[in-house]
Amino acid sequence: MAGKAVFVLGSFVVACSAKVSRFPRPGESLAAETVTIEPGGKGLNQAIMARRLGAAVDGLLAVGDDLAAAFAAPALERAGLPASLLVRLKGSTGSGIGFTDASGETCLAVAPGANLALTADHVGDRAQAIADAGLVTAQFEIGDAPIEAAFRLAREAGVATLLNPSPFRPIPAAILARTSILIVNETEARSLSAALGREMDAANLGQDFARELGPALLEQGPDLVVLTRGAAGALAVAAGAPAIAQAGFPVAAIDSLGAGDAFAATLGVRLAAGRPVPEALRDAAAAGALTTTRHGVFDALPTLAAIAAMSGG
């Protein structure tokens, strides 16, 4: 995809995260070690990660007309991203809050705000940029309509698409049919399996994914389906080929927020650049692992040099 941009579909969120010794119980207040407020959102995170890999980045990031929208333009400038990504709409800017415990595990809630006001018409206005892209990525902090429109335009132009259905909701058939690369974590895999009327054995999740869920999803459109497993690594399934397992990179994890976004963007960018699946999977696992070694996300997303140093690429 030399010279071609990664086109990122939303989202932008002002993210507040608290580092705590453990997750609070209902009705309980806890003292936090640190509280971080930074620009985020799965779309912005993927855009930053793609840029740190050296890719040109285009796309659509929606913000509202409130005070929180002021976070967006400086964030893009600092990340080396074009201001043209921003779509300014009426209403509130997306926001979220997360907790990270002493082991680096996270839980979070996101109010999409203006991200859900992104429409198929906004996508249609950027049809040529989508057709000229090397990869189009999306996640589920935006609505179905703009994703379906962008993936349709992309596939008509022969452009690869990547979907990370997080936060999870059932994937419409029209979107799944036009998804080239599907990436899910273990929780999303179980939800997706249930939505398809299948049950996964939690004790043998990897085997069930490789033998049943992965192949079943391939029949519905994707060329590659990937299961991310946190510190345990990842598993990739493609038609007519054995499943590929990638071990996790051992790190001292302190905050796993953004690790999935780093993985997804790295995998997509490396595959779009023509890298073999095992190599792209290795670099993606390294990117995800490195992201967990620092608090927050914006500054934690690694550079290509750091990924190469860890993965040996």
Protein backbone atom coordinates (compact mmCIF):
# COMPACT_ATOMS: atom_id res chain seq x y z
CA MET A 1 0.00 0.00 0.00
CA ALA A 2 2.98 2.25 -0.61
CA GLY A 3 1.78 5.84 -0.59
CA LYS A 4 -1.83 4.84 0.09
CA ALA A 5 -3.59 6.02 3.22
CA VAL A 6 -5.32 4.07 5.97
CA PHE A 7 -8.89 5.41 6.09
CA VAL A 8 -10.15 5.29 9.69
CA LEU A 9 -13.87 5.47 10.45
CA GLY A 10 -14.40 7.15 13.85
CA SER A 11 -14.37 7.42 16.80
CA PHE A 12 -13.17 10.32 18.94
CA VAL A 13 -13.69 10.20 22.70
CA VAL A 14 -12.42 12.27 25.61
CA ALA A 15 -11.19 9.46 27.84
CA CYS A 16 -10.89 9.59 31.62
CA SER A 17 -9.09 6.64 33.21
CA ALA A 18 -8.31 5.87 36.85
CA LYS A 19 -5.60 3.56 38.15
CA VAL A 20 -6.94 1.69 41.20
CA SER A 21 -5.76 -1.19 43.36
CA ARG A 22 -8.91 -3.12 42.46
CA PHE A 23 -12.23 -2.45 40.75
CA PRO A 24 -14.78 -0.70 43.01
CA ARG A 25 -17.72 -2.63 44.39
CA PRO A 26 -21.29 -1.31 43.94
CA GLY A 27 -21.74 1.81 46.05
CA GLU A 28 -18.06 2.01 46.95
CA SER A 29 -15.66 4.92 46.50
CA LEU A 30 -11.95 4.16 46.06
CA ALA A 31 -8.82 6.28 46.15
CA ALA A 32 -7.09 6.29 42.74
CA GLU A 33 -3.33 6.23 42.26
CA THR A 34 -3.65 8.38 39.15
CA VAL A 35 -6.40 9.84 36.98
CA THR A 36 -5.66 10.54 33.32
CA ILE A 37 -7.78 12.65 30.97
CA GLU A 38 -6.71 12.41 27.34
CA PRO A 39 -8.05 12.32 23.78
CA GLY A 40 -8.97 8.79 22.82
CA GLY A 41 -11.58 6.60 21.23
CA LYS A 42 -10.93 3.42 19.29
CA GLY A 43 -10.86 5.28 15.97
CA LEU A 44 -8.39 7.91 17.13
CA ASN A 45 -6.22 5.26 18.77
CA GLN A 46 -6.08 3.27 15.53
CA ALA A 47 -5.31 6.41 13.54
CA ILE A 48 -2.43 7.32 15.88
CA MET A 49 -1.07 3.78 15.76
CA ALA A 50 -1.20 3.69 11.96
CA ARG A 51 0.64 7.00 11.81
CA ARG A 52 3.33 5.75 14.20
CA LEU A 53 3.84 2.84 11.83
CA GLY A 54 4.61 5.37 9.10
CA ALA A 55 1.29 5.14 7.24
CA ALA A 56 -0.54 8.13 5.83
CA VAL A 57 -3.91 8.44 7.56
CA ASP A 58 -7.26 9.76 6.38
CA GLY A 59 -10.75 9.23 7.71
CA LEU A 60 -13.69 10.60 9.66
CA LEU A 61 -13.68 11.48 13.36
CA ALA A 62 -16.85 13.13 14.66
CA VAL A 63 -16.88 15.66 17.49
CA GLY A 64 -19.68 17.76 18.94
CA ASP A 65 -20.03 21.46 19.59
CA ASP A 66 -19.28 21.33 23.34
CA LEU A 67 -16.17 22.20 25.35
CA ALA A 68 -14.83 18.63 25.05
CA ALA A 69 -14.47 19.09 21.28
CA ALA A 70 -11.53 21.41 21.99
CA PHE A 71 -9.42 18.33 22.81
CA ALA A 72 -9.59 17.10 19.22
CA ALA A 73 -7.62 19.48 16.98
CA PRO A 74 -4.54 19.72 19.26
CA ALA A 75 -4.55 15.93 19.61
CA LEU A 76 -4.49 15.44 15.85
CA GLU A 77 -1.70 17.97 15.43
CA ARG A 78 0.37 16.34 18.16
CA ALA A 79 -0.10 12.91 16.56
CA GLY A 80 0.81 14.15 13.09
CA LEU A 81 -2.71 13.56 11.79
CA PRO A 82 -4.53 15.88 9.36
CA ALA A 83 -7.16 18.23 10.76
CA SER A 84 -9.37 17.19 7.82
CA LEU A 85 -10.28 14.01 9.76
CA LEU A 86 -12.61 16.01 12.00
CA VAL A 87 -16.34 16.19 11.31
CA ARG A 88 -17.94 18.84 13.52
CA LEU A 89 -21.55 18.08 14.44
CA LYS A 90 -24.12 19.38 16.89
CA GLY A 91 -24.36 17.70 20.27
CA SER A 92 -21.93 16.25 22.77
CA THR A 93 -18.48 14.91 21.99
CA GLY A 94 -17.94 11.24 22.82
CA SER A 95 -16.64 10.54 26.31
CA GLY A 96 -15.62 7.55 28.34
CA ILE A 97 -14.38 6.45 31.73
CA GLY A 98 -12.25 3.44 32.55
CA PHE A 99 -10.68 1.72 35.54
CA THR A 100 -7.38 -0.14 35.50
CA ASP A 101 -6.56 -2.44 38.43
CA ALA A 102 -3.19 -3.45 39.88
CA SER A 103 -2.79 -6.31 37.37
CA GLY A 104 -3.42 -4.07 34.36
CA GLU A 105 -6.92 -5.37 33.68
CA THR A 106 -9.48 -2.78 32.62
CA CYS A 107 -13.18 -2.08 32.55
CA LEU A 108 -14.72 0.92 30.86
CA ALA A 109 -17.89 2.60 29.66
CA VAL A 110 -18.22 4.91 26.66
CA ALA A 111 -20.91 7.43 25.72
CA PRO A 112 -20.52 7.72 21.92
CA GLY A 113 -22.10 11.18 21.62
CA ALA A 114 -21.39 12.71 18.20
CA ASN A 115 -19.81 9.49 16.99
CA LEU A 116 -23.29 8.02 16.53
CA ALA A 117 -24.28 11.05 14.43
CA LEU A 118 -21.79 10.05 11.73
CA THR A 119 -23.86 9.02 8.71
CA ALA A 120 -23.62 7.27 5.36
CA ASP A 121 -23.81 10.72 3.76
CA HIS A 122 -20.60 11.79 5.53
CA VAL A 123 -19.00 8.66 4.12
CA GLY A 124 -20.36 9.34 0.64
CA ASP A 125 -18.70 12.75 0.69
CA ARG A 126 -15.34 10.94 1.05
CA ALA A 127 -15.99 8.22 -1.53
CA GLN A 128 -12.92 9.02 -3.62
CA ALA A 129 -10.62 8.99 -0.58
CA ILE A 130 -11.99 5.57 0.38
CA ALA A 131 -11.46 4.23 -3.14
CA ASP A 132 -7.90 5.55 -3.11
CA ALA A 133 -7.04 4.07 0.32
CA GLY A 134 -4.91 1.05 1.03
CA LEU A 135 -7.11 -0.06 3.95
CA VAL A 136 -10.40 1.02 5.54
CA THR A 137 -10.86 0.32 9.26
CA ALA A 138 -13.89 0.55 11.54
CA GLN A 139 -15.01 -0.34 15.04
CA PHE A 140 -18.33 -0.22 16.85
CA GLU A 141 -18.14 3.14 18.62
CA ILE A 142 -19.97 4.42 15.53
CA GLY A 143 -23.21 3.25 13.91
CA ASP A 144 -23.78 0.54 11.33
CA ALA A 145 -24.82 2.81 8.45
CA PRO A 146 -21.49 4.61 7.89
CA ILE A 147 -19.57 1.34 8.25
CA GLU A 148 -21.74 -0.43 5.70
CA ALA A 149 -21.45 2.50 3.28
CA ALA A 150 -17.66 2.75 3.63
CA PHE A 151 -17.08 -1.00 3.36
CA ARG A 152 -19.30 -1.16 0.26
CA LEU A 153 -17.32 1.62 -1.40
CA ALA A 154 -14.04 0.05 -0.36
CA ARG A 155 -14.80 -3.43 -1.64
CA GLU A 156 -16.16 -2.06 -4.91
CA ALA A 157 -12.76 -0.38 -5.37
CA GLY A 158 -10.81 -3.49 -4.33
CA VAL A 159 -9.71 -1.97 -1.02
CA ALA A 160 -9.28 -4.21 2.04
CA THR A 161 -11.46 -3.58 5.10
CA LEU A 162 -10.85 -4.29 8.78
CA LEU A 163 -13.53 -4.52 11.46
CA ASN A 164 -13.11 -4.69 15.22
CA PRO A 165 -16.70 -5.08 16.54
CA SER A 166 -16.06 -3.41 19.89
CA PRO A 167 -18.03 -2.51 21.98
CA PHE A 168 -19.78 -5.65 20.80
CA ARG A 169 -23.14 -5.74 19.06
CA PRO A 170 -24.31 -8.29 16.49
CA ILE A 171 -22.61 -7.69 13.15
CA PRO A 172 -25.08 -7.04 10.30
CA ALA A 173 -24.66 -9.53 7.47
CA ALA A 174 -24.08 -6.72 4.96
CA ILE A 175 -21.09 -5.49 6.95
CA LEU A 176 -19.63 -8.93 7.67
CA ALA A 177 -19.90 -9.86 3.98
CA ARG A 178 -17.68 -6.88 3.10
CA THR A 179 -15.16 -7.33 5.90
CA SER A 180 -11.72 -8.54 4.81
CA ILE A 181 -10.15 -8.80 8.28
CA LEU A 182 -12.24 -9.42 11.40
CA ILE A 183 -10.59 -9.05 14.81
CA VAL A 184 -12.33 -10.06 18.06
CA ASN A 185 -11.15 -10.59 21.62
CA GLU A 186 -12.28 -13.54 23.73
CA THR A 187 -15.31 -11.75 25.18
CA GLU A 188 -16.42 -10.58 21.73
CA ALA A 189 -15.85 -14.07 20.32
CA ARG A 190 -18.18 -15.59 22.90
CA SER A 191 -20.81 -12.93 22.20
CA LEU A 192 -20.46 -13.42 18.46
CA SER A 193 -20.71 -17.17 18.84
CA ALA A 194 -23.90 -16.80 20.90
CA ALA A 195 -25.34 -14.40 18.31
CA LEU A 196 -24.74 -17.10 15.70
CA GLY A 197 -26.42 -19.73 17.87
CA ARG A 198 -23.18 -21.44 18.84
CA GLU A 199 -21.72 -22.21 22.25
CA MET A 200 -18.00 -21.93 22.95
CA ASP A 201 -16.22 -23.93 25.64
CA ALA A 202 -14.43 -21.35 27.82
CA ALA A 203 -11.80 -23.93 28.78
CA ASN A 204 -10.98 -24.63 25.12
CA LEU A 205 -11.73 -21.27 23.55
CA GLY A 206 -8.75 -21.31 21.19
CA GLN A 207 -9.55 -24.78 19.87
CA ASP A 208 -13.23 -23.95 19.44
CA PHE A 209 -12.34 -20.76 17.60
CA ALA A 210 -9.88 -22.49 15.25
CA ARG A 211 -12.16 -25.45 14.51
CA GLU A 212 -15.64 -23.95 14.52
CA LEU A 213 -16.23 -20.24 14.99
CA GLY A 214 -13.39 -19.01 12.79
CA PRO A 215 -14.31 -21.21 9.79
CA ALA A 216 -18.01 -20.37 10.25
CA LEU A 217 -17.21 -16.65 10.08
CA LEU A 218 -15.01 -17.11 7.01
CA GLU A 219 -18.03 -18.51 5.19
CA GLN A 220 -19.85 -15.22 5.74
CA GLY A 221 -17.30 -12.95 4.07
CA PRO A 222 -13.97 -12.33 5.82
CA ASP A 223 -10.69 -13.57 4.37
CA LEU A 224 -9.02 -13.60 7.79
CA VAL A 225 -10.49 -13.90 11.29
CA VAL A 226 -8.29 -13.18 14.31
CA LEU A 227 -8.87 -13.91 17.99
CA THR A 228 -6.86 -11.78 20.42
CA ARG A 229 -6.15 -13.36 23.80
CA GLY A 230 -4.41 -10.65 25.81
CA ALA A 231 -1.17 -11.86 27.36
CA ALA A 232 -1.73 -15.29 25.75
CA GLY A 233 -1.26 -13.84 22.25
CA ALA A 234 -3.52 -14.31 19.25
CA LEU A 235 -4.89 -16.90 16.85
CA ALA A 236 -5.59 -16.33 13.13
CA VAL A 237 -7.76 -18.42 10.82
CA ALA A 238 -7.87 -18.11 7.03
CA ALA A 239 -9.62 -20.27 4.45
CA GLY A 240 -7.68 -23.30 3.25
CA ALA A 241 -4.81 -22.83 5.70
CA PRO A 242 -3.93 -24.11 9.18
CA ALA A 243 -4.66 -21.79 12.08
CA ILE A 244 -1.70 -19.57 13.02
CA ALA A 245 -0.94 -19.10 16.70
CA GLN A 246 1.08 -16.12 17.93
CA ALA A 247 2.36 -16.24 21.48
CA GLY A 248 2.13 -13.15 23.64
CA PHE A 249 5.23 -11.10 24.42
CA PRO A 250 5.99 -11.14 28.15
CA VAL A 251 5.94 -7.60 29.57
CA ALA A 252 5.28 -5.95 32.90
CA ALA A 253 1.74 -4.83 32.07
CA ILE A 254 0.38 -1.87 33.99
CA ASP A 255 -2.52 -0.70 31.81
CA SER A 256 -4.18 -2.67 29.00
CA LEU A 257 -6.31 0.23 27.69
CA GLY A 258 -5.66 0.70 23.97
CA ALA A 259 -3.79 -2.58 23.51
CA GLY A 260 -6.51 -3.99 21.27
CA ASP A 261 -6.49 -0.85 19.13
CA ALA A 262 -2.70 -1.05 18.77
CA PHE A 263 -3.01 -4.70 17.73
CA ALA A 264 -5.77 -4.06 15.20
CA ALA A 265 -4.12 -1.08 13.53
CA THR A 266 -0.74 -2.78 13.35
CA LEU A 267 -2.15 -5.98 11.90
CA GLY A 268 -4.12 -4.07 9.28
CA VAL A 269 -1.29 -1.76 8.26
CA ARG A 270 1.25 -4.58 8.01
CA LEU A 271 -1.08 -6.81 5.99
CA ALA A 272 -1.99 -3.93 3.68
CA ALA A 273 1.74 -3.39 3.14
CA GLY A 274 2.00 -6.96 1.85
CA ARG A 275 3.52 -8.58 4.92
CA PRO A 276 2.76 -12.31 5.45
CA VAL A 277 0.14 -13.09 8.08
CA PRO A 278 2.60 -14.62 10.61
CA GLU A 279 4.84 -11.53 10.43
CA ALA A 280 1.91 -9.10 10.68
CA LEU A 281 0.49 -11.09 13.59
CA ARG A 282 3.84 -11.01 15.40
CA ASP A 283 4.18 -7.23 14.97
CA ALA A 284 0.58 -6.71 16.11
CA ALA A 285 1.16 -8.79 19.23
CA ALA A 286 4.29 -6.76 19.99
CA ALA A 287 2.39 -3.48 19.52
CA GLY A 288 -0.36 -4.61 21.86
CA ALA A 289 2.10 -5.77 24.50
CA LEU A 290 4.12 -2.55 24.38
CA THR A 291 0.97 -0.47 24.81
CA THR A 292 0.29 -2.14 28.17
CA THR A 293 3.62 -1.02 29.64
CA ARG A 294 2.59 2.62 30.13
CA HIS A 295 -0.37 4.42 31.68
CA GLY A 296 -2.96 5.83 29.30
CA VAL A 297 -3.08 5.28 25.56
CA PHE A 298 -2.02 8.35 23.57
CA ASP A 299 1.62 8.24 24.65
CA ALA A 300 1.64 4.46 25.17
CA LEU A 301 1.00 3.52 21.54
CA PRO A 302 4.44 2.40 20.30
CA THR A 303 6.57 3.41 17.34
CA LEU A 304 7.57 1.12 14.50
CA ALA A 305 11.12 1.06 15.86
CA ALA A 306 9.94 -0.12 19.27
CA ILE A 307 7.80 -2.83 17.68
CA ALA A 308 10.70 -4.01 15.53
CA ALA A 309 12.99 -4.13 18.55
CA MET A 310 10.56 -6.35 20.45
CA SER A 311 9.40 -8.58 17.60
CA GLY A 312 12.75 -8.94 15.85
CA GLY A 313 11.23 -7.57 12.64
